[in-house]
Amino acid sequence: MEGTRIRIAGDNPANGIAIVNQQTNESVKIPMTSILLNDPSKVSFIVPADLPTGDYKLHLTTQFSTTHTMLKEPRTYVLEYVLTV
C-alpha cells in the first residue's frame, strides 16, 4: 500500500491493518509480526493464508504524524479498491 503518512504508529489498540469482508463486514486484523514494511509512504504485509474467499477492503489506522508528536486520535485510511481473494 502506498500513500502519505501511512506508517503504523501510536499506542491506540485500533492502530494497524484490518481487512474487512464486504459481504459480511467481518474484520480480520493483521498482526504486526506480519507487516513487512512500515514506512511513512509505503506499507506491505502478508495476507493470512486462511483468509476466506471474498471481496475485501483494506483499512489502515495510525497515529503517525510528520512532526515529532503522535496524533492524539488515530485516523483510518480505506483503500479505494476492492481486493478479491
N, C-alpha and C. Protein backbone atom coordinates (compact mmCIF):
# COMPACT_ATOMS: atom_id res chain seq x y z
N MET A 1 0.86 -1.16 0.00
CA MET A 1 0.00 0.00 0.00
C MET A 1 0.91 1.22 0.00
N GLU A 2 0.60 2.19 -0.86
CA GLU A 2 1.38 3.42 -0.92
C GLU A 2 0.49 4.61 -0.62
N GLY A 3 1.06 5.62 0.03
CA GLY A 3 0.31 6.82 0.37
C GLY A 3 1.19 7.82 1.08
N THR A 4 0.58 8.70 1.84
CA THR A 4 1.28 9.73 2.59
C THR A 4 0.92 9.58 4.06
N ARG A 5 1.93 9.60 4.92
CA ARG A 5 1.74 9.50 6.38
C ARG A 5 0.95 8.24 6.76
N ILE A 6 1.34 7.10 6.20
CA ILE A 6 0.60 5.86 6.48
C ILE A 6 1.37 4.90 7.39
N ARG A 7 2.54 5.30 7.88
CA ARG A 7 3.26 4.42 8.81
C ARG A 7 2.35 4.10 9.99
N ILE A 8 2.32 2.85 10.40
CA ILE A 8 1.52 2.45 11.55
C ILE A 8 2.32 2.78 12.80
N ALA A 9 1.77 3.69 13.61
CA ALA A 9 2.47 4.14 14.81
C ALA A 9 1.44 4.57 15.85
N GLY A 10 1.87 4.59 17.11
CA GLY A 10 1.00 5.00 18.19
C GLY A 10 0.59 3.82 19.04
N ASP A 11 0.04 4.13 20.22
CA ASP A 11 -0.29 3.07 21.18
C ASP A 11 -1.78 2.74 21.25
N ASN A 12 -2.59 3.33 20.40
CA ASN A 12 -4.02 3.03 20.40
C ASN A 12 -4.22 1.61 19.87
N PRO A 13 -5.04 0.80 20.55
CA PRO A 13 -5.26 -0.58 20.10
C PRO A 13 -5.90 -0.68 18.71
N ALA A 14 -6.52 0.38 18.24
CA ALA A 14 -7.14 0.37 16.91
C ALA A 14 -6.10 0.47 15.79
N ASN A 15 -4.89 0.90 16.11
CA ASN A 15 -3.85 1.08 15.09
C ASN A 15 -3.46 -0.25 14.46
N GLY A 16 -3.27 -0.22 13.15
CA GLY A 16 -2.84 -1.42 12.44
C GLY A 16 -3.59 -1.56 11.13
N ILE A 17 -3.54 -2.75 10.57
CA ILE A 17 -4.21 -3.04 9.31
C ILE A 17 -5.33 -4.03 9.57
N ALA A 18 -6.48 -3.75 9.00
CA ALA A 18 -7.61 -4.67 9.06
C ALA A 18 -8.12 -4.89 7.64
N ILE A 19 -8.47 -6.13 7.35
CA ILE A 19 -9.08 -6.47 6.07
C ILE A 19 -10.55 -6.76 6.36
N VAL A 20 -11.45 -6.01 5.73
CA VAL A 20 -12.88 -6.10 6.03
C VAL A 20 -13.63 -6.73 4.86
N ASN A 21 -14.31 -7.85 5.16
CA ASN A 21 -15.11 -8.55 4.15
C ASN A 21 -16.30 -7.68 3.78
N GLN A 22 -16.50 -7.44 2.49
CA GLN A 22 -17.55 -6.54 2.04
C GLN A 22 -18.94 -7.15 2.10
N GLN A 23 -19.06 -8.48 2.15
CA GLN A 23 -20.37 -9.12 2.25
C GLN A 23 -20.81 -9.28 3.71
N THR A 24 -19.89 -9.69 4.57
CA THR A 24 -20.24 -9.99 5.97
C THR A 24 -19.84 -8.87 6.93
N ASN A 25 -19.03 -7.93 6.48
CA ASN A 25 -18.49 -6.84 7.31
C ASN A 25 -17.58 -7.37 8.42
N GLU A 26 -17.15 -8.63 8.31
CA GLU A 26 -16.23 -9.22 9.29
C GLU A 26 -14.83 -8.65 9.04
N SER A 27 -14.17 -8.29 10.14
CA SER A 27 -12.85 -7.67 10.05
C SER A 27 -11.78 -8.65 10.53
N VAL A 28 -10.69 -8.75 9.77
CA VAL A 28 -9.54 -9.58 10.14
C VAL A 28 -8.37 -8.64 10.38
N LYS A 29 -7.88 -8.61 11.61
CA LYS A 29 -6.75 -7.74 11.96
C LYS A 29 -5.45 -8.45 11.58
N ILE A 30 -4.56 -7.72 10.92
CA ILE A 30 -3.26 -8.26 10.53
C ILE A 30 -2.30 -8.06 11.70
N PRO A 31 -1.67 -9.14 12.20
CA PRO A 31 -0.71 -8.97 13.31
C PRO A 31 0.49 -8.14 12.88
N MET A 32 1.03 -7.36 13.80
CA MET A 32 2.20 -6.53 13.50
C MET A 32 3.38 -7.38 13.03
N THR A 33 3.44 -8.64 13.44
CA THR A 33 4.52 -9.53 13.01
C THR A 33 4.39 -9.89 11.52
N SER A 34 3.22 -9.66 10.93
CA SER A 34 3.01 -9.93 9.50
C SER A 34 3.23 -8.70 8.63
N ILE A 35 3.60 -7.58 9.25
CA ILE A 35 3.87 -6.37 8.49
C ILE A 35 5.35 -6.36 8.11
N LEU A 36 5.62 -6.37 6.82
CA LEU A 36 6.99 -6.48 6.32
C LEU A 36 7.68 -5.14 6.19
N LEU A 37 6.94 -4.12 5.78
CA LEU A 37 7.49 -2.79 5.56
C LEU A 37 6.52 -1.79 6.17
N ASN A 38 7.05 -0.89 7.00
CA ASN A 38 6.21 0.09 7.69
C ASN A 38 6.89 1.46 7.59
N ASP A 39 6.83 2.05 6.41
CA ASP A 39 7.45 3.35 6.14
C ASP A 39 6.37 4.43 6.07
N PRO A 40 6.76 5.70 6.14
CA PRO A 40 5.77 6.78 6.05
C PRO A 40 4.96 6.78 4.75
N SER A 41 5.54 6.26 3.67
CA SER A 41 4.83 6.31 2.39
C SER A 41 4.51 4.93 1.79
N LYS A 42 4.92 3.87 2.46
CA LYS A 42 4.67 2.52 1.93
C LYS A 42 4.57 1.52 3.07
N VAL A 43 3.53 0.68 3.01
CA VAL A 43 3.33 -0.38 3.99
C VAL A 43 3.04 -1.66 3.22
N SER A 44 3.71 -2.75 3.59
CA SER A 44 3.40 -4.04 2.98
C SER A 44 3.26 -5.09 4.07
N PHE A 45 2.47 -6.12 3.79
CA PHE A 45 2.17 -7.13 4.80
C PHE A 45 1.86 -8.45 4.13
N ILE A 46 1.82 -9.51 4.94
CA ILE A 46 1.47 -10.85 4.47
C ILE A 46 -0.02 -11.08 4.74
N VAL A 47 -0.75 -11.45 3.71
CA VAL A 47 -2.16 -11.78 3.85
C VAL A 47 -2.26 -13.14 4.53
N PRO A 48 -3.12 -13.30 5.55
CA PRO A 48 -3.25 -14.60 6.21
C PRO A 48 -3.63 -15.70 5.22
N ALA A 49 -2.98 -16.84 5.33
CA ALA A 49 -3.23 -17.97 4.43
C ALA A 49 -4.64 -18.51 4.57
N ASP A 50 -5.24 -18.36 5.75
CA ASP A 50 -6.57 -18.90 5.99
C ASP A 50 -7.69 -17.87 5.77
N LEU A 51 -7.39 -16.77 5.09
CA LEU A 51 -8.40 -15.75 4.82
C LEU A 51 -9.46 -16.34 3.88
N PRO A 52 -10.74 -16.33 4.31
CA PRO A 52 -11.79 -16.90 3.45
C PRO A 52 -11.92 -16.14 2.13
N THR A 53 -12.38 -16.84 1.10
CA THR A 53 -12.58 -16.18 -0.18
C THR A 53 -13.66 -15.11 -0.05
N GLY A 54 -13.52 -14.07 -0.85
CA GLY A 54 -14.50 -12.98 -0.82
C GLY A 54 -13.87 -11.69 -1.28
N ASP A 55 -14.66 -10.63 -1.20
CA ASP A 55 -14.20 -9.29 -1.56
C ASP A 55 -13.93 -8.51 -0.27
N TYR A 56 -12.79 -7.83 -0.25
CA TYR A 56 -12.34 -7.15 0.96
C TYR A 56 -11.91 -5.71 0.67
N LYS A 57 -12.01 -4.88 1.70
CA LYS A 57 -11.43 -3.53 1.68
C LYS A 57 -10.36 -3.50 2.75
N LEU A 58 -9.31 -2.76 2.47
CA LEU A 58 -8.17 -2.64 3.38
C LEU A 58 -8.30 -1.36 4.19
N HIS A 59 -8.24 -1.47 5.52
CA HIS A 59 -8.31 -0.32 6.42
C HIS A 59 -6.97 -0.21 7.15
N LEU A 60 -6.35 0.95 7.12
CA LEU A 60 -5.09 1.19 7.83
C LEU A 60 -5.33 2.31 8.83
N THR A 61 -5.08 2.04 10.11
CA THR A 61 -5.31 3.01 11.18
C THR A 61 -3.99 3.34 11.84
N THR A 62 -3.74 4.63 12.05
CA THR A 62 -2.46 5.07 12.61
C THR A 62 -2.60 6.40 13.34
N GLN A 63 -1.61 6.67 14.18
CA GLN A 63 -1.49 7.97 14.84
C GLN A 63 -0.23 8.69 14.35
N PHE A 64 0.36 8.19 13.27
CA PHE A 64 1.59 8.75 12.74
C PHE A 64 1.38 10.19 12.28
N SER A 65 2.40 11.01 12.50
CA SER A 65 2.38 12.41 12.08
C SER A 65 3.76 12.75 11.53
N THR A 66 3.84 13.78 10.72
CA THR A 66 5.15 14.19 10.20
C THR A 66 5.95 14.98 11.23
N THR A 67 5.31 15.37 12.32
CA THR A 67 6.04 16.06 13.40
C THR A 67 6.56 15.01 14.38
N HIS A 68 7.22 15.44 15.43
CA HIS A 68 7.75 14.51 16.43
C HIS A 68 6.69 14.04 17.41
N THR A 69 5.48 14.57 17.31
CA THR A 69 4.40 14.22 18.21
C THR A 69 3.37 13.37 17.47
N MET A 70 2.93 12.28 18.11
CA MET A 70 1.89 11.44 17.52
C MET A 70 0.54 12.17 17.61
N LEU A 71 -0.36 11.83 16.70
CA LEU A 71 -1.72 12.36 16.77
C LEU A 71 -2.39 11.83 18.03
N LYS A 72 -3.25 12.63 18.64
CA LYS A 72 -3.96 12.18 19.85
C LYS A 72 -4.96 11.08 19.52
N GLU A 73 -5.65 11.24 18.41
CA GLU A 73 -6.65 10.27 17.98
C GLU A 73 -6.18 9.60 16.68
N PRO A 74 -6.39 8.30 16.56
CA PRO A 74 -5.98 7.63 15.32
C PRO A 74 -6.86 8.05 14.15
N ARG A 75 -6.30 7.95 12.96
CA ARG A 75 -7.07 8.18 11.74
C ARG A 75 -7.01 6.90 10.91
N THR A 76 -8.06 6.67 10.13
CA THR A 76 -8.15 5.46 9.33
C THR A 76 -8.22 5.81 7.85
N TYR A 77 -7.39 5.13 7.08
CA TYR A 77 -7.41 5.24 5.63
C TYR A 77 -8.05 3.96 5.09
N VAL A 78 -8.91 4.09 4.10
CA VAL A 78 -9.53 2.93 3.47
C VAL A 78 -9.09 2.90 2.01
N LEU A 79 -8.49 1.78 1.61
CA LEU A 79 -8.06 1.61 0.23
C LEU A 79 -9.28 1.66 -0.68
N GLU A 80 -9.21 2.43 -1.75
CA GLU A 80 -10.35 2.62 -2.65
C GLU A 80 -10.73 1.35 -3.41
N TYR A 81 -9.78 0.46 -3.61
CA TYR A 81 -10.00 -0.72 -4.43
C TYR A 81 -10.52 -1.89 -3.61
N VAL A 82 -11.31 -2.74 -4.24
CA VAL A 82 -11.78 -3.97 -3.61
C VAL A 82 -10.77 -5.06 -3.92
N LEU A 83 -10.36 -5.78 -2.88
CA LEU A 83 -9.41 -6.89 -3.02
C LEU A 83 -10.20 -8.19 -3.05
N THR A 84 -9.97 -9.01 -4.04
CA THR A 84 -10.69 -10.28 -4.16
C THR A 84 -9.75 -11.43 -3.83
N VAL A 85 -10.21 -12.28 -2.91
CA VAL A 85 -9.43 -13.46 -2.50
C VAL A 85 -10.11 -14.68 -3.06
